[in-house]
């Protein structure tokens, strides 16, 4: 069955609607329905379909895999928001704010189990490979989150450390989604590896853009609190680059803001943003972001399928890389 790229999101929404999560206890399942209902671009599950279409289409199995990835992603969001004490997700209250942290933890755990149940419905003879990719991806995402939390307490985090952390926390889920789609399309090992590395680079650019938008984005478009990373002293590419490259005077001021207890948040965001801009950290961040996107496009060229079959994947990459506009 040939499915247009424009219908992938609709198919994912249909699968979400078919989930058996409208049951008791309501306190457990309402948060699942809530976080799935407040939107999100469904980027990762769409990548499964798009990668699969490069090879041999297997829509039914891809639908289960896509649902599993979306459920897993939302599980991580519920738990990450608790750890970050984030008030907003996609412009709405986070689950732990709307209910409470204990409910959010338990609902997140349930969502993870439901995700694995979807993988179990896949009929492909390569199911073992699918489980291997899904499991390794899930573990690496958790490793990335732990590094992220570790770095909150460390003062010696390097830019290289940070880039490896976001590779684990963000990039591998995009890469794993692509590889699962490719495996379900009976892609060769070589093509599976290239599409995985394409996803890694795409994910790196995506996360660096997220960091940039946290400071310079439009809050109505971004859907999260602008300046949240600055307020929490989160070690991002921008902060670490500023600590490394800012003028001596600006570095002193930046360290004072980091050490300040109970500062005025609006004043802190304005001051730190000004430090970034004066020292060209915004442009440095955009350049690093573009470096990863360029590497992704080169890998896309190397995937051994006819060029016309890559158009949906290229359009997807274009969508992510132009999110800043």
Protein backbone atom coordinates (compact mmCIF):
# COMPACT_ATOMS: atom_id res chain seq x y z
CA UNK A 1 0.00 0.00 0.00
CA UNK A 2 1.46 3.36 -1.04
CA UNK A 3 1.06 6.07 1.60
CA UNK A 4 1.77 9.75 0.98
CA UNK A 5 4.09 11.55 3.40
CA UNK A 6 1.22 13.94 4.10
CA UNK A 7 -0.82 11.11 5.64
CA UNK A 8 1.81 9.81 8.09
CA UNK A 9 0.83 12.14 10.92
CA UNK A 10 -2.86 11.32 10.41
CA UNK A 11 -2.06 7.60 10.60
CA UNK A 12 -0.11 8.13 13.84
CA UNK A 13 -3.00 10.10 15.34
CA UNK A 14 -5.36 7.30 14.38
CA UNK A 15 -3.17 4.74 16.15
CA UNK A 16 -3.00 6.95 19.23
CA UNK A 17 -6.81 7.22 19.23
CA UNK A 18 -7.06 3.41 19.12
CA UNK A 19 -4.97 2.95 22.28
CA UNK A 20 -6.78 1.33 25.21
CA UNK A 21 -6.04 4.09 27.72
CA UNK A 22 -9.58 5.27 28.45
CA UNK A 23 -10.04 3.18 31.57
CA UNK A 24 -9.61 3.06 35.33
CA UNK A 25 -7.91 4.19 37.40
CA UNK A 26 -8.50 7.58 35.82
CA UNK A 27 -5.63 9.15 37.77
CA UNK A 28 -3.22 6.80 36.00
CA UNK A 29 -4.52 7.06 32.44
CA UNK A 30 -5.74 10.66 32.22
CA UNK A 31 -2.16 12.01 32.17
CA UNK A 32 -1.35 9.69 29.25
CA UNK A 33 -4.33 10.94 27.27
CA UNK A 34 -3.48 14.51 28.25
CA UNK A 35 0.14 14.58 27.08
CA UNK A 36 -0.75 12.77 23.85
CA UNK A 37 -3.57 15.24 23.21
CA UNK A 38 -1.62 18.49 23.61
CA UNK A 39 0.10 18.11 20.29
CA UNK A 40 3.69 17.74 19.38
CA UNK A 41 4.98 17.41 15.85
CA UNK A 42 5.20 13.58 15.93
CA UNK A 43 8.59 13.99 14.26
CA UNK A 44 10.16 10.74 15.41
CA UNK A 45 7.32 8.39 14.41
CA UNK A 46 7.04 10.13 11.04
CA UNK A 47 10.70 9.32 10.44
CA UNK A 48 9.92 5.60 10.70
CA UNK A 49 7.48 5.83 7.79
CA UNK A 50 9.71 8.13 5.75
CA UNK A 51 12.77 5.90 6.16
CA UNK A 52 10.72 2.80 5.40
CA UNK A 53 9.43 4.35 2.15
CA UNK A 54 13.03 4.55 0.90
CA UNK A 55 13.07 0.76 0.68
CA UNK A 56 10.12 -1.67 0.88
CA UNK A 57 6.99 -0.18 2.45
CA UNK A 58 5.58 -2.07 5.43
CA UNK A 59 2.87 0.27 6.66
CA UNK A 60 1.25 -1.98 9.26
CA UNK A 61 4.45 -2.81 11.11
CA UNK A 62 5.66 0.77 10.79
CA UNK A 63 2.45 2.00 12.43
CA UNK A 64 3.14 -0.11 15.53
CA UNK A 65 6.79 0.95 15.61
CA UNK A 66 5.85 4.62 15.14
CA UNK A 67 3.35 4.45 17.99
CA UNK A 68 5.95 2.79 20.23
CA UNK A 69 8.48 5.53 19.52
CA UNK A 70 5.95 8.30 20.15
CA UNK A 71 4.89 6.71 23.43
CA UNK A 72 8.50 6.28 24.50
CA UNK A 73 9.28 9.89 23.59
CA UNK A 74 6.35 11.17 25.65
CA UNK A 75 7.39 8.95 28.55
CA UNK A 76 10.78 10.69 28.54
CA UNK A 77 9.11 14.11 28.39
CA UNK A 78 6.95 13.40 31.44
CA UNK A 79 9.95 12.31 33.48
CA UNK A 80 12.33 14.96 32.12
CA UNK A 81 9.84 17.70 33.05
CA UNK A 82 9.78 16.41 36.63
CA UNK A 83 13.58 16.40 36.81
CA UNK A 84 13.80 19.88 35.29
CA UNK A 85 10.85 21.21 37.31
CA UNK A 86 9.52 22.57 34.02
CA UNK A 87 6.17 24.41 34.18
CA UNK A 88 5.26 24.16 30.48
CA UNK A 89 5.35 21.57 27.73
CA UNK A 90 4.05 22.46 24.27
CA UNK A 91 2.52 25.60 25.75
CA UNK A 92 0.49 23.63 28.33
CA UNK A 93 0.99 22.66 31.95
CA UNK A 94 3.39 19.77 32.39
CA UNK A 95 1.91 16.56 33.79
CA UNK A 96 3.52 16.92 37.21
CA UNK A 97 2.17 20.48 37.49
CA UNK A 98 -1.35 19.54 36.42
CA UNK A 99 -1.46 16.49 38.70
CA UNK A 100 1.54 15.83 40.96
CA UNK A 101 5.03 14.30 40.63
CA UNK A 102 4.03 10.86 41.93
CA UNK A 103 1.18 10.56 39.45
CA UNK A 104 3.47 11.77 36.66
CA UNK A 105 6.11 9.14 37.49
CA UNK A 106 3.61 6.30 37.55
CA UNK A 107 1.82 7.44 34.39
CA UNK A 108 5.16 7.77 32.62
CA UNK A 109 6.12 4.25 33.67
CA UNK A 110 2.82 2.97 32.30
CA UNK A 111 3.40 4.76 29.01
CA UNK A 112 6.77 3.01 28.66
CA UNK A 113 5.17 -0.41 29.14
CA UNK A 114 2.48 0.43 26.58
CA UNK A 115 5.25 1.41 24.16
CA UNK A 116 6.90 -2.01 24.45
CA UNK A 117 3.51 -3.65 23.92
CA UNK A 118 3.32 -1.96 20.50
CA UNK A 119 6.73 -3.31 19.45
CA UNK A 120 5.49 -6.77 20.37
CA UNK A 121 2.75 -6.47 17.71
CA UNK A 122 5.24 -6.17 14.84
CA UNK A 123 5.14 -9.18 12.51
CA UNK A 124 8.43 -8.62 10.67
CA UNK A 125 10.94 -11.49 10.66
CA UNK A 126 13.53 -8.88 11.69
CA UNK A 127 11.77 -8.19 14.99
CA UNK A 128 14.94 -9.10 16.94
CA UNK A 129 16.79 -6.26 15.20
CA UNK A 130 13.92 -3.89 15.96
CA UNK A 131 14.07 -4.77 19.66
CA UNK A 132 17.86 -4.34 19.65
CA UNK A 133 17.59 -0.84 18.19
CA UNK A 134 14.66 0.15 20.41
CA UNK A 135 16.31 -1.14 23.59
CA UNK A 136 19.74 0.34 22.90
CA UNK A 137 18.13 3.65 21.99
CA UNK A 138 16.06 3.68 25.19
CA UNK A 139 19.13 2.97 27.32
CA UNK A 140 21.19 5.65 25.60
CA UNK A 141 18.44 8.23 26.07
CA UNK A 142 18.48 7.46 29.81
CA UNK A 143 22.29 7.67 29.84
CA UNK A 144 22.04 11.08 28.21
CA UNK A 145 19.55 12.27 30.79
CA UNK A 146 21.82 11.10 33.62
CA UNK A 147 24.80 12.94 32.11
CA UNK A 148 22.56 16.00 31.81
CA UNK A 149 21.73 15.80 35.52
CA UNK A 150 25.36 15.10 36.44
CA UNK A 151 26.47 18.19 34.58
CA UNK A 152 24.17 20.36 36.67
CA UNK A 153 26.55 19.73 39.59
CA UNK A 154 29.83 19.80 37.65
CA UNK A 155 31.90 22.89 36.92
CA UNK A 156 34.29 21.23 34.47
CA UNK A 157 31.90 20.25 31.69
CA UNK A 158 33.50 20.67 28.27
CA UNK A 159 31.77 21.47 25.00
CA UNK A 160 32.71 17.95 23.84
CA UNK A 161 31.04 16.49 26.94
CA UNK A 162 27.91 18.46 26.20
CA UNK A 163 27.78 17.41 22.56
CA UNK A 164 28.08 13.73 23.50
CA UNK A 165 25.33 14.18 26.09
CA UNK A 166 22.89 15.64 23.57
CA UNK A 167 23.81 12.92 21.08
CA UNK A 168 22.61 10.39 23.63
CA UNK A 169 19.67 12.33 24.98
CA UNK A 170 18.24 13.62 21.70
CA UNK A 171 19.97 12.41 18.54
CA UNK A 172 19.84 8.65 19.05
CA UNK A 173 16.03 8.65 19.18
CA UNK A 174 15.83 10.32 15.77
CA UNK A 175 18.55 7.99 14.46
CA UNK A 176 16.94 4.91 15.98
CA UNK A 177 13.56 5.80 14.50
CA UNK A 178 15.09 6.06 11.05
CA UNK A 179 16.96 2.79 11.44
CA UNK A 180 13.83 0.95 12.60
CA UNK A 181 11.97 2.18 9.53
CA UNK A 182 14.85 1.08 7.32
CA UNK A 183 14.99 -2.38 8.91
CA UNK A 184 11.25 -2.79 8.41
CA UNK A 185 11.90 -2.00 4.75
CA UNK A 186 14.59 -4.70 4.55
CA UNK A 187 17.36 -2.16 4.04
CA UNK A 188 20.95 -3.40 3.80
CA UNK A 189 23.23 -3.12 6.82
CA UNK A 190 25.20 -0.37 5.07
CA UNK A 191 22.12 1.69 4.28
CA UNK A 192 20.82 1.15 7.81
CA UNK A 193 24.07 2.52 9.24
CA UNK A 194 24.11 5.54 6.93
CA UNK A 195 20.52 6.47 7.71
CA UNK A 196 21.30 6.09 11.42
CA UNK A 197 24.26 8.49 11.16
CA UNK A 198 22.10 10.86 9.11
CA UNK A 199 19.64 10.87 12.02
CA UNK A 200 22.39 11.45 14.57
CA UNK A 201 23.60 14.56 12.77
CA UNK A 202 20.06 15.77 12.18
CA UNK A 203 19.34 15.33 15.88
CA UNK A 204 22.45 17.24 16.90
CA UNK A 205 21.41 20.18 14.77
CA UNK A 206 17.86 19.91 16.14
CA UNK A 207 19.00 20.05 19.78
CA UNK A 208 21.45 22.90 19.18
CA UNK A 209 18.59 24.79 17.57
CA UNK A 210 16.42 24.02 20.61
CA UNK A 211 19.10 25.52 22.86
CA UNK A 212 19.29 28.57 20.64
CA UNK A 213 15.51 29.02 20.55
CA UNK A 214 15.34 28.76 24.34
CA UNK A 215 17.20 32.07 24.38
CA UNK A 216 16.32 33.74 21.08
CA UNK A 217 13.01 32.11 20.13
CA UNK A 218 9.47 33.43 19.94
CA UNK A 219 7.63 32.08 23.03
CA UNK A 220 4.39 31.70 21.08
CA UNK A 221 6.10 29.48 18.51
CA UNK A 222 8.53 27.74 20.86
CA UNK A 223 5.87 26.52 23.30
CA UNK A 224 8.19 26.66 26.29
CA UNK A 225 9.44 29.28 28.71
CA UNK A 226 11.98 31.53 26.97
CA UNK A 227 15.19 31.83 28.94
CA UNK A 228 14.47 28.75 31.03
CA UNK A 229 17.98 27.40 30.44
CA UNK A 230 19.50 30.70 31.58
CA UNK A 231 17.34 30.83 34.70
CA UNK A 232 18.35 27.29 35.71
CA UNK A 233 22.04 27.73 34.77
CA UNK A 234 21.63 24.80 32.40
CA UNK A 235 24.88 23.93 30.68
CA UNK A 236 24.12 24.37 27.01
CA UNK A 237 26.32 24.97 23.99
CA UNK A 238 25.69 28.70 24.40
CA UNK A 239 26.63 28.86 28.08
CA UNK A 240 29.71 26.64 27.73
CA UNK A 241 30.86 28.57 24.67
CA UNK A 242 30.39 31.88 26.50
CA UNK A 243 32.42 30.63 29.47
CA UNK A 244 35.14 29.61 27.01
CA UNK A 245 35.13 32.59 24.62
CA UNK A 246 33.58 35.62 26.30
CA UNK A 247 35.70 38.64 27.17
CA UNK A 248 37.22 38.67 30.65
CA UNK A 249 34.73 41.31 31.82
CA UNK A 250 31.73 39.44 30.43
CA UNK A 251 32.94 36.14 31.86
CA UNK A 252 33.10 37.69 35.34
CA UNK A 253 29.56 39.03 34.94
CA UNK A 254 28.34 35.69 33.61
CA UNK A 255 29.83 33.82 36.58
CA UNK A 256 28.19 36.32 38.94
CA UNK A 257 24.80 35.63 37.40
CA UNK A 258 25.40 31.87 37.64
CA UNK A 259 26.28 32.18 41.34
CA UNK A 260 23.50 34.64 42.19
CA UNK A 261 20.91 33.42 44.69
CA UNK A 262 17.28 34.30 43.98
CA UNK A 263 18.01 36.79 41.18
CA UNK A 264 15.30 38.59 39.27
CA UNK A 265 14.72 36.08 36.48
CA UNK A 266 13.77 38.60 33.82
CA UNK A 267 16.84 40.69 34.58
CA UNK A 268 19.09 37.62 34.53
CA UNK A 269 17.75 36.42 31.17
CA UNK A 270 18.19 39.87 29.65
CA UNK A 271 21.74 40.28 31.00
CA UNK A 272 22.98 36.80 30.01
CA UNK A 273 21.39 37.06 26.57
CA UNK A 274 23.23 40.36 26.09
CA UNK A 275 26.52 38.67 27.04
CA UNK A 276 25.89 35.95 24.46
CA UNK A 277 25.10 38.47 21.76
CA UNK A 278 28.06 40.78 22.52
CA UNK A 279 30.46 37.87 22.22
CA UNK A 280 28.97 36.33 19.09
CA UNK A 281 27.82 33.20 20.89
CA UNK A 282 24.50 33.30 19.03
CA UNK A 283 26.32 33.21 15.68
CA UNK A 284 28.72 30.53 16.91
CA UNK A 285 25.75 28.40 17.91
CA UNK A 286 24.09 28.85 14.52
CA UNK A 287 27.34 27.89 12.77
CA UNK A 288 27.74 24.71 14.83
CA UNK A 289 24.14 23.83 14.15
CA UNK A 290 24.69 24.23 10.42
CA UNK A 291 27.79 22.03 10.59
CA UNK A 292 25.67 19.11 11.75
CA UNK A 293 22.90 19.75 9.27
CA UNK A 294 25.45 19.84 6.44
CA UNK A 295 26.91 16.50 7.57
CA UNK A 296 23.40 15.04 7.61
CA UNK A 297 22.72 16.10 4.01
CA UNK A 298 26.02 14.52 2.87
CA UNK A 299 25.04 11.22 4.47
CA UNK A 300 21.62 11.41 2.85
CA UNK A 301 23.36 11.63 -0.53
CA UNK A 302 25.28 8.43 0.27
CA UNK A 303 22.23 6.26 0.97
CA UNK A 304 22.02 3.83 -1.91
CA UNK A 305 18.50 4.33 -3.22
CA UNK A 306 17.25 6.34 -6.22
CA UNK A 307 17.44 10.09 -5.61
CA UNK A 308 13.72 10.68 -6.16
CA UNK A 309 12.88 8.37 -3.24
CA UNK A 310 14.81 10.64 -0.87
CA UNK A 311 12.61 13.68 -1.41
CA UNK A 312 10.40 13.16 1.66
CA UNK A 313 13.43 12.64 3.91
CA UNK A 314 15.14 15.71 2.47
CA UNK A 315 11.98 17.75 2.99
CA UNK A 316 11.86 16.56 6.58
CA UNK A 317 15.47 17.62 7.13
CA UNK A 318 14.67 20.98 5.53
CA UNK A 319 11.74 21.41 7.92
CA UNK A 320 13.97 20.86 10.97
CA UNK A 321 16.87 22.95 9.73
CA UNK A 322 14.60 25.90 8.91
CA UNK A 323 12.67 25.78 12.19
CA UNK A 324 14.39 29.00 13.22
CA UNK A 325 12.76 31.03 10.46
